[in-house]
Amino acid sequence: QVHLVESGGGLVQAGGSLRLSCAASGIPDSINAMGWGRQPPGKQRELVASISKSGGSTRYDDSVKGRFTISRDNAKNTVYLQMNSLKPEDTAVYYCTATTTWRDYWGQGTQVTVSS
């Protein structure tokens, strides 16, 4: 089992920044890729960023490319999402995800609200 706990969400004005953190526990050595997804109000959950086990490869959805940066610290079993130039349309519940050999895990989520 892998347990993921997100933190760092909150209310920010448009153009501002937030940094999300996600700590993994349980069997963190079993985790391969990690990522961040989000679910805007009334919409489906979408994956916006992912990072490989080593951290050497990252991917971003076009909607956040150039504004968000994903990183991980394997020594701390933690993945981060630095979010800059935030827009009202970035408002969503943000979820951390971890991929293992047998399944994907998701955290409980943290709310990010961007005011205009």
PDB file of N, CA and C in Angstrom:
ATOM      1  N   GLN A   1       0.833  -1.198   0.000  1.00  0.00           N
ATOM      2  CA  GLN A   1       0.000   0.000   0.000  1.00  0.00           C
ATOM      3  C   GLN A   1       0.866   1.245   0.000  1.00  0.00           C
ATOM      4  N   VAL A   2       0.386   2.268  -0.677  1.00  0.00           N
ATOM      5  CA  VAL A   2       1.048   3.568  -0.704  1.00  0.00           C
ATOM      6  C   VAL A   2       0.032   4.610  -0.246  1.00  0.00           C
ATOM      7  N   HIS A   3       0.446   5.469   0.649  1.00  0.00           N
ATOM      8  CA  HIS A   3      -0.421   6.531   1.155  1.00  0.00           C
ATOM      9  C   HIS A   3       0.178   7.872   0.746  1.00  0.00           C
ATOM     10  N   LEU A   4      -0.675   8.728   0.152  1.00  0.00           N
ATOM     11  CA  LEU A   4      -0.215  10.018  -0.340  1.00  0.00           C
ATOM     12  C   LEU A   4      -0.951  11.143   0.384  1.00  0.00           C
ATOM     13  N   VAL A   5      -0.212  12.143   0.847  1.00  0.00           N
ATOM     14  CA  VAL A   5      -0.819  13.275   1.546  1.00  0.00           C
ATOM     15  C   VAL A   5      -0.328  14.569   0.912  1.00  0.00           C
ATOM     16  N   GLU A   6      -1.277  15.327   0.358  1.00  0.00           N
ATOM     17  CA  GLU A   6      -0.951  16.597  -0.281  1.00  0.00           C
ATOM     18  C   GLU A   6      -1.039  17.746   0.714  1.00  0.00           C
ATOM     19  N   SER A   7      -0.288  18.803   0.434  1.00  0.00           N
ATOM     20  CA  SER A   7      -0.363  20.025   1.227  1.00  0.00           C
ATOM     21  C   SER A   7       0.051  21.199   0.357  1.00  0.00           C
ATOM     22  N   GLY A   8      -0.267  22.412   0.820  1.00  0.00           N
ATOM     23  CA  GLY A   8       0.186  23.605   0.121  1.00  0.00           C
ATOM     24  C   GLY A   8      -0.878  24.340  -0.666  1.00  0.00           C
ATOM     25  N   GLY A   9      -2.085  23.811  -0.703  1.00  0.00           N
ATOM     26  CA  GLY A   9      -3.139  24.502  -1.432  1.00  0.00           C
ATOM     27  C   GLY A   9      -3.595  25.755  -0.699  1.00  0.00           C
ATOM     28  N   GLY A  10      -4.455  26.538  -1.351  1.00  0.00           N
ATOM     29  CA  GLY A  10      -4.965  27.734  -0.714  1.00  0.00           C
ATOM     30  C   GLY A  10      -5.572  28.678  -1.710  1.00  0.00           C
ATOM     31  N   LEU A  11      -5.770  29.911  -1.273  1.00  0.00           N
ATOM     32  CA  LEU A  11      -6.353  30.964  -2.094  1.00  0.00           C
ATOM     33  C   LEU A  11      -5.248  31.922  -2.522  1.00  0.00           C
ATOM     34  N   VAL A  12      -5.208  32.225  -3.798  1.00  0.00           N
ATOM     35  CA  VAL A  12      -4.182  33.121  -4.326  1.00  0.00           C
ATOM     36  C   VAL A  12      -4.798  33.985  -5.424  1.00  0.00           C
ATOM     37  N   GLN A  13      -4.264  35.172  -5.595  1.00  0.00           N
ATOM     38  CA  GLN A  13      -4.743  36.036  -6.671  1.00  0.00           C
ATOM     39  C   GLN A  13      -4.133  35.610  -7.998  1.00  0.00           C
ATOM     40  N   ALA A  14      -4.817  35.934  -9.058  1.00  0.00           N
ATOM     41  CA  ALA A  14      -4.309  35.642 -10.394  1.00  0.00           C
ATOM     42  C   ALA A  14      -2.929  36.271 -10.565  1.00  0.00           C
ATOM     43  N   GLY A  15      -2.042  35.500 -11.171  1.00  0.00           N
ATOM     44  CA  GLY A  15      -0.662  35.934 -11.335  1.00  0.00           C
ATOM     45  C   GLY A  15       0.258  35.495 -10.215  1.00  0.00           C
ATOM     46  N   GLY A  16      -0.324  34.989  -9.143  1.00  0.00           N
ATOM     47  CA  GLY A  16       0.463  34.552  -7.998  1.00  0.00           C
ATOM     48  C   GLY A  16       1.010  33.144  -8.153  1.00  0.00           C
ATOM     49  N   SER A  17       1.643  32.672  -7.083  1.00  0.00           N
ATOM     50  CA  SER A  17       2.281  31.361  -7.099  1.00  0.00           C
ATOM     51  C   SER A  17       1.897  30.549  -5.866  1.00  0.00           C
ATOM     52  N   LEU A  18       1.925  29.245  -6.037  1.00  0.00           N
ATOM     53  CA  LEU A  18       1.765  28.298  -4.938  1.00  0.00           C
ATOM     54  C   LEU A  18       2.674  27.114  -5.185  1.00  0.00           C
ATOM     55  N   ARG A  19       3.078  26.466  -4.100  1.00  0.00           N
ATOM     56  CA  ARG A  19       3.856  25.247  -4.210  1.00  0.00           C
ATOM     57  C   ARG A  19       3.147  24.133  -3.455  1.00  0.00           C
ATOM     58  N   LEU A  20       2.790  23.099  -4.194  1.00  0.00           N
ATOM     59  CA  LEU A  20       2.153  21.934  -3.596  1.00  0.00           C
ATOM     60  C   LEU A  20       3.203  20.875  -3.274  1.00  0.00           C
ATOM     61  N   SER A  21       2.962  20.164  -2.194  1.00  0.00           N
ATOM     62  CA  SER A  21       3.833  19.051  -1.812  1.00  0.00           C
ATOM     63  C   SER A  21       2.989  17.800  -1.618  1.00  0.00           C
ATOM     64  N   CYS A  22       3.599  16.658  -1.858  1.00  0.00           N
ATOM     65  CA  CYS A  22       2.909  15.385  -1.651  1.00  0.00           C
ATOM     66  C   CYS A  22       3.905  14.409  -1.054  1.00  0.00           C
ATOM     67  N   ALA A  23       3.613  13.956   0.160  1.00  0.00           N
ATOM     68  CA  ALA A  23       4.479  13.001   0.839  1.00  0.00           C
ATOM     69  C   ALA A  23       3.916  11.597   0.703  1.00  0.00           C
ATOM     70  N   ALA A  24       4.770  10.668   0.309  1.00  0.00           N
ATOM     71  CA  ALA A  24       4.367   9.275   0.148  1.00  0.00           C
ATOM     72  C   ALA A  24       4.865   8.440   1.314  1.00  0.00           C
ATOM     73  N   SER A  25       4.020   7.535   1.778  1.00  0.00           N
ATOM     74  CA  SER A  25       4.415   6.617   2.844  1.00  0.00           C
ATOM     75  C   SER A  25       3.868   5.233   2.516  1.00  0.00           C
ATOM     76  N   GLY A  26       4.239   4.256   3.347  1.00  0.00           N
ATOM     77  CA  GLY A  26       3.787   2.895   3.086  1.00  0.00           C
ATOM     78  C   GLY A  26       4.926   2.099   2.488  1.00  0.00           C
ATOM     79  N   ILE A  27       4.909   1.945   1.164  1.00  0.00           N
ATOM     80  CA  ILE A  27       5.990   1.234   0.467  1.00  0.00           C
ATOM     81  C   ILE A  27       6.515   2.164  -0.625  1.00  0.00           C
ATOM     82  N   PRO A  28       7.148   3.275  -0.244  1.00  0.00           N
ATOM     83  CA  PRO A  28       7.561   4.262  -1.243  1.00  0.00           C
ATOM     84  C   PRO A  28       8.560   3.735  -2.268  1.00  0.00           C
ATOM     85  N   ASP A  29       9.327   2.704  -1.910  1.00  0.00           N
ATOM     86  CA  ASP A  29      10.294   2.152  -2.862  1.00  0.00           C
ATOM     87  C   ASP A  29       9.609   1.493  -4.048  1.00  0.00           C
ATOM     88  N   SER A  30       8.319   1.199  -3.913  1.00  0.00           N
ATOM     89  CA  SER A  30       7.584   0.557  -5.006  1.00  0.00           C
ATOM     90  C   SER A  30       7.079   1.565  -6.041  1.00  0.00           C
ATOM     91  N   ILE A  31       7.214   2.853  -5.734  1.00  0.00           N
ATOM     92  CA  ILE A  31       6.678   3.895  -6.610  1.00  0.00           C
ATOM     93  C   ILE A  31       7.588   4.116  -7.809  1.00  0.00           C
ATOM     94  N   ASN A  32       6.988   4.172  -8.978  1.00  0.00           N
ATOM     95  CA  ASN A  32       7.717   4.520 -10.193  1.00  0.00           C
ATOM     96  C   ASN A  32       7.438   5.986 -10.516  1.00  0.00           C
ATOM     97  N   ALA A  33       6.632   6.247 -11.509  1.00  0.00           N
ATOM     98  CA  ALA A  33       6.302   7.632 -11.844  1.00  0.00           C
ATOM     99  C   ALA A  33       5.372   8.238 -10.796  1.00  0.00           C
ATOM    100  N   MET A  34       5.437   9.548 -10.684  1.00  0.00           N
ATOM    101  CA  MET A  34       4.488  10.291  -9.841  1.00  0.00           C
ATOM    102  C   MET A  34       3.941  11.452 -10.655  1.00  0.00           C
ATOM    103  N   GLY A  35       2.857  12.023 -10.174  1.00  0.00           N
ATOM    104  CA  GLY A  35       2.274  13.116 -10.937  1.00  0.00           C
ATOM    105  C   GLY A  35       1.278  13.914 -10.129  1.00  0.00           C
ATOM    106  N   TRP A  36       0.748  14.908 -10.813  1.00  0.00           N
ATOM    107  CA  TRP A  36      -0.308  15.743 -10.238  1.00  0.00           C
ATOM    108  C   TRP A  36      -1.472  15.814 -11.223  1.00  0.00           C
ATOM    109  N   GLY A  37      -2.638  15.606 -10.685  1.00  0.00           N
ATOM    110  CA  GLY A  37      -3.849  15.793 -11.465  1.00  0.00           C
ATOM    111  C   GLY A  37      -4.705  16.846 -10.797  1.00  0.00           C
ATOM    112  N   ARG A  38      -5.732  17.296 -11.509  1.00  0.00           N
ATOM    113  CA  ARG A  38      -6.640  18.262 -10.914  1.00  0.00           C
ATOM    114  C   ARG A  38      -8.060  18.036 -11.421  1.00  0.00           C
ATOM    115  N   GLN A  39      -8.998  18.463 -10.614  1.00  0.00           N
ATOM    116  CA  GLN A  39     -10.398  18.358 -10.988  1.00  0.00           C
ATOM    117  C   GLN A  39     -11.069  19.697 -10.754  1.00  0.00           C
ATOM    118  N   PRO A  40     -11.287  20.456 -11.827  1.00  0.00           N
ATOM    119  CA  PRO A  40     -11.991  21.738 -11.692  1.00  0.00           C
ATOM    120  C   PRO A  40     -13.456  21.509 -11.330  1.00  0.00           C
ATOM    121  N   PRO A  41     -14.126  22.502 -10.802  1.00  0.00           N
ATOM    122  CA  PRO A  41     -15.536  22.342 -10.438  1.00  0.00           C
ATOM    123  C   PRO A  41     -16.379  21.913 -11.628  1.00  0.00           C
ATOM    124  N   GLY A  42     -17.139  20.843 -11.466  1.00  0.00           N
ATOM    125  CA  GLY A  42     -18.032  20.383 -12.510  1.00  0.00           C
ATOM    126  C   GLY A  42     -17.373  19.684 -13.674  1.00  0.00           C
ATOM    127  N   LYS A  43     -16.068  19.414 -13.564  1.00  0.00           N
ATOM    128  CA  LYS A  43     -15.354  18.769 -14.666  1.00  0.00           C
ATOM    129  C   LYS A  43     -14.679  17.488 -14.194  1.00  0.00           C
ATOM    130  N   GLN A  44     -14.177  16.734 -15.166  1.00  0.00           N
ATOM    131  CA  GLN A  44     -13.494  15.493 -14.829  1.00  0.00           C
ATOM    132  C   GLN A  44     -12.053  15.752 -14.399  1.00  0.00           C
ATOM    133  N   ARG A  45     -11.508  14.796 -13.677  1.00  0.00           N
ATOM    134  CA  ARG A  45     -10.120  14.887 -13.264  1.00  0.00           C
ATOM    135  C   ARG A  45      -9.207  14.745 -14.459  1.00  0.00           C
ATOM    136  N   GLU A  46      -8.131  15.535 -14.491  1.00  0.00           N
ATOM    137  CA  GLU A  46      -7.161  15.478 -15.574  1.00  0.00           C
ATOM    138  C   GLU A  46      -5.754  15.479 -14.998  1.00  0.00           C
ATOM    139  N   LEU A  47      -4.852  14.760 -15.665  1.00  0.00           N
ATOM    140  CA  LEU A  47      -3.455  14.742 -15.263  1.00  0.00           C
ATOM    141  C   LEU A  47      -2.768  15.951 -15.879  1.00  0.00           C
ATOM    142  N   VAL A  48      -2.088  16.748 -15.068  1.00  0.00           N
ATOM    143  CA  VAL A  48      -1.448  17.946 -15.608  1.00  0.00           C
ATOM    144  C   VAL A  48       0.074  17.861 -15.627  1.00  0.00           C
ATOM    145  N   ALA A  49       0.663  17.009 -14.826  1.00  0.00           N
ATOM    146  CA  ALA A  49       2.121  16.892 -14.813  1.00  0.00           C
ATOM    147  C   ALA A  49       2.528  15.525 -14.290  1.00  0.00           C
ATOM    148  N   SER A  50       3.610  14.990 -14.823  1.00  0.00           N
ATOM    149  CA  SER A  50       4.132  13.720 -14.337  1.00  0.00           C
ATOM    150  C   SER A  50       5.653  13.752 -14.380  1.00  0.00           C
ATOM    151  N   ILE A  51       6.259  12.886 -13.565  1.00  0.00           N
ATOM    152  CA  ILE A  51       7.716  12.830 -13.476  1.00  0.00           C
ATOM    153  C   ILE A  51       8.138  11.383 -13.300  1.00  0.00           C
ATOM    154  N   SER A  52       9.224  11.013 -13.944  1.00  0.00           N
ATOM    155  CA  SER A  52       9.715   9.640 -13.884  1.00  0.00           C
ATOM    156  C   SER A  52      10.324   9.339 -12.522  1.00  0.00           C
ATOM    157  N   LYS A  53      10.632   8.075 -12.290  1.00  0.00           N
ATOM    158  CA  LYS A  53      11.185   7.651 -10.998  1.00  0.00           C
ATOM    159  C   LYS A  53      12.473   8.384 -10.664  1.00  0.00           C
ATOM    160  N   SER A  54      13.324   8.547 -11.660  1.00  0.00           N
ATOM    161  CA  SER A  54      14.606   9.217 -11.434  1.00  0.00           C
ATOM    162  C   SER A  54      14.480  10.734 -11.392  1.00  0.00           C
ATOM    163  N   GLY A  55      13.359  11.228 -11.912  1.00  0.00           N
ATOM    164  CA  GLY A  55      13.187  12.673 -12.014  1.00  0.00           C
ATOM    165  C   GLY A  55      13.745  13.250 -13.299  1.00  0.00           C
ATOM    166  N   GLY A  56      14.309  12.391 -14.136  1.00  0.00           N
ATOM    167  CA  GLY A  56      14.950  12.886 -15.340  1.00  0.00           C
ATOM    168  C   GLY A  56      14.020  13.182 -16.496  1.00  0.00           C
ATOM    169  N   SER A  57      12.770  12.731 -16.375  1.00  0.00           N
ATOM    170  CA  SER A  57      11.804  12.950 -17.443  1.00  0.00           C
ATOM    171  C   SER A  57      10.517  13.519 -16.865  1.00  0.00           C
ATOM    172  N   THR A  58      10.045  14.584 -17.465  1.00  0.00           N
ATOM    173  CA  THR A  58       8.793  15.211 -17.017  1.00  0.00           C
ATOM    174  C   THR A  58       7.874  15.448 -18.211  1.00  0.00           C
ATOM    175  N   ARG A  59       6.582  15.496 -17.931  1.00  0.00           N
ATOM    176  CA  ARG A  59       5.585  15.794 -18.953  1.00  0.00           C
ATOM    177  C   ARG A  59       4.563  16.743 -18.380  1.00  0.00           C
ATOM    178  N   TYR A  60       4.027  17.616 -19.235  1.00  0.00           N
ATOM    179  CA  TYR A  60       3.036  18.592 -18.802  1.00  0.00           C
ATOM    180  C   TYR A  60       1.892  18.671 -19.798  1.00  0.00           C
ATOM    181  N   ASP A  61       0.716  18.912 -19.275  1.00  0.00           N
ATOM    182  CA  ASP A  61      -0.410  19.234 -20.139  1.00  0.00           C
ATOM    183  C   ASP A  61      -0.150  20.621 -20.733  1.00  0.00           C
ATOM    184  N   ASP A  62      -0.644  20.837 -21.939  1.00  0.00           N
ATOM    185  CA  ASP A  62      -0.421  22.120 -22.601  1.00  0.00           C
ATOM    186  C   ASP A  62      -0.958  23.293 -21.792  1.00  0.00           C
ATOM    187  N   SER A  63      -1.986  23.064 -21.000  1.00  0.00           N
ATOM    188  CA  SER A  63      -2.612  24.150 -20.248  1.00  0.00           C
ATOM    189  C   SER A  63      -1.709  24.706 -19.146  1.00  0.00           C
ATOM    190  N   VAL A  64      -0.701  23.942 -18.724  1.00  0.00           N
ATOM    191  CA  VAL A  64       0.171  24.395 -17.632  1.00  0.00           C
ATOM    192  C   VAL A  64       1.628  24.505 -18.056  1.00  0.00           C
ATOM    193  N   LYS A  65       1.932  24.102 -19.265  1.00  0.00           N
ATOM    194  CA  LYS A  65       3.320  24.102 -19.740  1.00  0.00           C
ATOM    195  C   LYS A  65       3.893  25.512 -19.683  1.00  0.00           C
ATOM    196  N   GLY A  66       5.085  25.629 -19.111  1.00  0.00           N
ATOM    197  CA  GLY A  66       5.731  26.927 -18.991  1.00  0.00           C
ATOM    198  C   GLY A  66       5.378  27.673 -17.719  1.00  0.00           C
ATOM    199  N   ARG A  67       4.348  27.198 -17.000  1.00  0.00           N
ATOM    200  CA  ARG A  67       3.948  27.861 -15.757  1.00  0.00           C
ATOM    201  C   ARG A  67       4.124  26.953 -14.536  1.00  0.00           C
ATOM    202  N   PHE A  68       3.945  25.665 -14.723  1.00  0.00           N
ATOM    203  CA  PHE A  68       4.062  24.706 -13.621  1.00  0.00           C
ATOM    204  C   PHE A  68       5.346  23.896 -13.780  1.00  0.00           C
ATOM    205  N   THR A  69       5.945  23.539 -12.654  1.00  0.00           N
ATOM    206  CA  THR A  69       7.134  22.698 -12.664  1.00  0.00           C
ATOM    207  C   THR A  69       6.975  21.588 -11.630  1.00  0.00           C
ATOM    208  N   ILE A  70       7.124  20.355 -12.087  1.00  0.00           N
ATOM    209  CA  ILE A  70       7.057  19.205 -11.190  1.00  0.00           C
ATOM    210  C   ILE A  70       8.467  18.754 -10.849  1.00  0.00           C
ATOM    211  N   SER A  71       8.669  18.356  -9.607  1.00  0.00           N
ATOM    212  CA  SER A  71       9.969  17.845  -9.174  1.00  0.00           C
ATOM    213  C   SER A  71       9.738  16.819  -8.066  1.00  0.00           C
ATOM    214  N   ARG A  72      10.751  16.042  -7.777  1.00  0.00           N
ATOM    215  CA  ARG A  72      10.625  15.053  -6.704  1.00  0.00           C
ATOM    216  C   ARG A  72      11.931  14.920  -5.962  1.00  0.00           C
ATOM    217  N   ASP A  73      11.811  14.569  -4.682  1.00  0.00           N
ATOM    218  CA  ASP A  73      12.960  14.290  -3.833  1.00  0.00           C
ATOM    219  C   ASP A  73      12.775  12.876  -3.312  1.00  0.00           C
ATOM    220  N   ASN A  74      13.441  11.933  -3.922  1.00  0.00           N
ATOM    221  CA  ASN A  74      13.256  10.528  -3.561  1.00  0.00           C
ATOM    222  C   ASN A  74      13.758  10.218  -2.150  1.00  0.00           C
ATOM    223  N   ALA A  75      14.721  10.986  -1.671  1.00  0.00           N
ATOM    224  CA  ALA A  75      15.213  10.775  -0.306  1.00  0.00           C
ATOM    225  C   ALA A  75      14.126  11.106   0.715  1.00  0.00           C
ATOM    226  N   LYS A  76      13.237  12.027   0.341  1.00  0.00           N
ATOM    227  CA  LYS A  76      12.141  12.427   1.234  1.00  0.00           C
ATOM    228  C   LYS A  76      10.808  11.821   0.809  1.00  0.00           C
ATOM    229  N   ASN A  77      10.816  11.012  -0.259  1.00  0.00           N
ATOM    230  CA  ASN A  77       9.577  10.413  -0.778  1.00  0.00           C
ATOM    231  C   ASN A  77       8.513  11.481  -1.022  1.00  0.00           C
ATOM    232  N   THR A  78       8.917  12.568  -1.629  1.00  0.00           N
ATOM    233  CA  THR A  78       8.035  13.716  -1.813  1.00  0.00           C
ATOM    234  C   THR A  78       8.100  14.216  -3.251  1.00  0.00           C
ATOM    235  N   VAL A  79       6.943  14.601  -3.771  1.00  0.00           N
ATOM    236  CA  VAL A  79       6.859  15.221  -5.082  1.00  0.00           C
ATOM    237  C   VAL A  79       6.263  16.609  -4.905  1.00  0.00           C
ATOM    238  N   TYR A  80       6.721  17.537  -5.728  1.00  0.00           N
ATOM    239  CA  TYR A  80       6.301  18.927  -5.620  1.00  0.00           C
ATOM    240  C   TYR A  80       5.693  19.410  -6.935  1.00  0.00           C
ATOM    241  N   LEU A  81       4.863  20.432  -6.824  1.00  0.00           N
ATOM    242  CA  LEU A  81       4.353  21.115  -8.005  1.00  0.00           C
ATOM    243  C   LEU A  81       4.443  22.615  -7.740  1.00  0.00           C
ATOM    244  N   GLN A  82       5.393  23.252  -8.410  1.00  0.00           N
ATOM    245  CA  GLN A  82       5.519  24.703  -8.321  1.00  0.00           C
ATOM    246  C   GLN A  82       4.621  25.314  -9.381  1.00  0.00           C
ATOM    247  N   MET A  83       3.692  26.150  -8.954  1.00  0.00           N
ATOM    248  CA  MET A  83       2.713  26.738  -9.856  1.00  0.00           C
ATOM    249  C   MET A  83       2.898  28.248  -9.880  1.00  0.00           C
ATOM    250  N   ASN A  84       3.274  28.774 -11.025  1.00  0.00           N
ATOM    251  CA  ASN A  84       3.476  30.210 -11.194  1.00  0.00           C
ATOM    252  C   ASN A  84       2.470  30.767 -12.187  1.00  0.00           C
ATOM    253  N   SER A  85       2.335  32.083 -12.186  1.00  0.00           N
ATOM    254  CA  SER A  85       1.426  32.765 -13.117  1.00  0.00           C
ATOM    255  C   SER A  85       0.045  32.111 -13.105  1.00  0.00           C
ATOM    256  N   LEU A  86      -0.468  31.902 -11.926  1.00  0.00           N
ATOM    257  CA  LEU A  86      -1.747  31.199 -11.796  1.00  0.00           C
ATOM    258  C   LEU A  86      -2.897  31.993 -12.391  1.00  0.00           C
ATOM    259  N   LYS A  87      -3.837  31.254 -12.963  1.00  0.00           N
ATOM    260  CA  LYS A  87      -5.004  31.838 -13.615  1.00  0.00           C
ATOM    261  C   LYS A  87      -6.277  31.341 -12.917  1.00  0.00           C
ATOM    262  N   PRO A  88      -7.367  32.083 -13.024  1.00  0.00           N
ATOM    263  CA  PRO A  88      -8.617  31.596 -12.423  1.00  0.00           C
ATOM    264  C   PRO A  88      -9.011  30.199 -12.904  1.00  0.00           C
ATOM    265  N   GLU A  89      -8.684  29.888 -14.140  1.00  0.00           N
ATOM    266  CA  GLU A  89      -9.040  28.557 -14.654  1.00  0.00           C
ATOM    267  C   GLU A  89      -8.182  27.444 -14.075  1.00  0.00           C
ATOM    268  N   ASP A  90      -7.180  27.781 -13.284  1.00  0.00           N
ATOM    269  CA  ASP A  90      -6.404  26.763 -12.566  1.00  0.00           C
ATOM    270  C   ASP A  90      -7.103  26.329 -11.275  1.00  0.00           C
ATOM    271  N   THR A  91      -8.189  26.996 -10.938  1.00  0.00           N
ATOM    272  CA  THR A  91      -8.941  26.634  -9.734  1.00  0.00           C
ATOM    273  C   THR A  91      -9.434  25.200  -9.837  1.00  0.00           C
ATOM    274  N   ALA A  92      -9.086  24.395  -8.825  1.00  0.00           N
ATOM    275  CA  ALA A  92      -9.424  22.973  -8.849  1.00  0.00           C
ATOM    276  C   ALA A  92      -8.965  22.316  -7.550  1.00  0.00           C
ATOM    277  N   VAL A  93      -9.408  21.095  -7.355  1.00  0.00           N
ATOM    278  CA  VAL A  93      -8.796  20.251  -6.328  1.00  0.00           C
ATOM    279  C   VAL A  93      -7.631  19.541  -7.002  1.00  0.00           C
ATOM    280  N   TYR A  94      -6.463  19.660  -6.402  1.00  0.00           N
ATOM    281  CA  TYR A  94      -5.259  19.065  -6.961  1.00  0.00           C
ATOM    282  C   TYR A  94      -4.926  17.779  -6.214  1.00  0.00           C
ATOM    283  N   TYR A  95      -4.668  16.727  -6.989  1.00  0.00           N
ATOM    284  CA  TYR A  95      -4.396  15.406  -6.443  1.00  0.00           C
ATOM    285  C   TYR A  95      -3.007  14.934  -6.838  1.00  0.00           C
ATOM    286  N   CYS A  96      -2.343  14.319  -5.908  1.00  0.00           N
ATOM    287  CA  CYS A  96      -1.071  13.661  -6.167  1.00  0.00           C
ATOM    288  C   CYS A  96      -1.358  12.227  -6.597  1.00  0.00           C
ATOM    289  N   THR A  97      -0.569  11.713  -7.513  1.00  0.00           N
ATOM    290  CA  THR A  97      -0.726  10.331  -7.944  1.00  0.00           C
ATOM    291  C   THR A  97       0.625   9.635  -7.986  1.00  0.00           C
ATOM    292  N   ALA A  98       0.607   8.344  -7.682  1.00  0.00           N
ATOM    293  CA  ALA A  98       1.818   7.530  -7.715  1.00  0.00           C
ATOM    294  C   ALA A  98       1.516   6.224  -8.434  1.00  0.00           C
ATOM    295  N   THR A  99       2.411   5.829  -9.302  1.00  0.00           N
ATOM    296  CA  THR A  99       2.243   4.604 -10.084  1.00  0.00           C
ATOM    297  C   THR A  99       3.181   3.532  -9.568  1.00  0.00           C
ATOM    298  N   THR A 100       2.625   2.370  -9.265  1.00  0.00           N
ATOM    299  CA  THR A 100       3.432   1.217  -8.900  1.00  0.00           C
ATOM    300  C   THR A 100       3.209   0.124  -9.931  1.00  0.00           C
ATOM    301  N   THR A 101       3.870  -0.997  -9.765  1.00  0.00           N
ATOM    302  CA  THR A 101       3.741  -2.112 -10.700  1.00  0.00           C
ATOM    303  C   THR A 101       2.298  -2.621 -10.763  1.00  0.00           C
ATOM    304  N   TRP A 102       1.593  -2.581  -9.628  1.00  0.00           N
ATOM    305  CA  TRP A 102       0.276  -3.222  -9.582  1.00  0.00           C
ATOM    306  C   TRP A 102      -0.902  -2.269  -9.703  1.00  0.00           C
ATOM    307  N   ARG A 103      -0.718  -0.962  -9.408  1.00  0.00           N
ATOM    308  CA  ARG A 103      -1.843  -0.034  -9.500  1.00  0.00           C
ATOM    309  C   ARG A 103      -1.381   1.397  -9.330  1.00  0.00           C
ATOM    310  N   ASP A 104      -2.321   2.314  -9.614  1.00  0.00           N
ATOM    311  CA  ASP A 104      -2.087   3.733  -9.368  1.00  0.00           C
ATOM    312  C   ASP A 104      -2.754   4.135  -8.063  1.00  0.00           C
ATOM    313  N   TYR A 105      -2.107   5.042  -7.348  1.00  0.00           N
ATOM    314  CA  TYR A 105      -2.673   5.573  -6.107  1.00  0.00           C
ATOM    315  C   TYR A 105      -2.917   7.068  -6.263  1.00  0.00           C
ATOM    316  N   TRP A 106      -3.946   7.552  -5.581  1.00  0.00           N
ATOM    317  CA  TRP A 106      -4.277   8.970  -5.566  1.00  0.00           C
ATOM    318  C   TRP A 106      -4.414   9.441  -4.131  1.00  0.00           C
ATOM    319  N   GLY A 107      -4.008  10.687  -3.891  1.00  0.00           N
ATOM    320  CA  GLY A 107      -4.194  11.284  -2.583  1.00  0.00           C
ATOM    321  C   GLY A 107      -5.608  11.813  -2.417  1.00  0.00           C
ATOM    322  N   GLN A 108      -5.859  12.461  -1.279  1.00  0.00           N
ATOM    323  CA  GLN A 108      -7.181  12.993  -0.976  1.00  0.00           C
ATOM    324  C   GLN A 108      -7.426  14.347  -1.625  1.00  0.00           C
ATOM    325  N   GLY A 109      -6.375  15.015  -2.035  1.00  0.00           N
ATOM    326  CA  GLY A 109      -6.519  16.277  -2.739  1.00  0.00           C
ATOM    327  C   GLY A 109      -6.362  17.498  -1.849  1.00  0.00           C
ATOM    328  N   THR A 110      -5.986  18.607  -2.485  1.00  0.00           N
ATOM    329  CA  THR A 110      -5.877  19.890  -1.801  1.00  0.00           C
ATOM    330  C   THR A 110      -6.473  20.957  -2.711  1.00  0.00           C
ATOM    331  N   GLN A 111      -7.255  21.850  -2.131  1.00  0.00           N
ATOM    332  CA  GLN A 111      -7.970  22.849  -2.927  1.00  0.00           C
ATOM    333  C   GLN A 111      -7.052  24.011  -3.286  1.00  0.00           C
ATOM    334  N   VAL A 112      -7.082  24.372  -4.553  1.00  0.00           N
ATOM    335  CA  VAL A 112      -6.404  25.584  -5.029  1.00  0.00           C
ATOM    336  C   VAL A 112      -7.463  26.486  -5.644  1.00  0.00           C
ATOM    337  N   THR A 113      -7.545  27.711  -5.146  1.00  0.00           N
ATOM    338  CA  THR A 113      -8.508  28.679  -5.664  1.00  0.00           C
ATOM    339  C   THR A 113      -7.757  29.925  -6.101  1.00  0.00           C
ATOM    340  N   VAL A 114      -7.960  30.311  -7.358  1.00  0.00           N
ATOM    341  CA  VAL A 114      -7.293  31.485  -7.919  1.00  0.00           C
ATOM    342  C   VAL A 114      -8.359  32.539  -8.191  1.00  0.00           C
ATOM    343  N   SER A 115      -8.237  33.662  -7.519  1.00  0.00           N
ATOM    344  CA  SER A 115      -9.221  34.734  -7.690  1.00  0.00           C
ATOM    345  C   SER A 115      -8.765  35.711  -8.771  1.00  0.00           C
ATOM    346  N   SER A 116      -9.738  36.270  -9.464  1.00  0.00           N
ATOM    347  CA  SER A 116      -9.412  37.201 -10.556  1.00  0.00           C
ATOM    348  C   SER A 116      -9.327  38.633 -10.063  1.00  0.00           C
TER     349      SER A 116
END
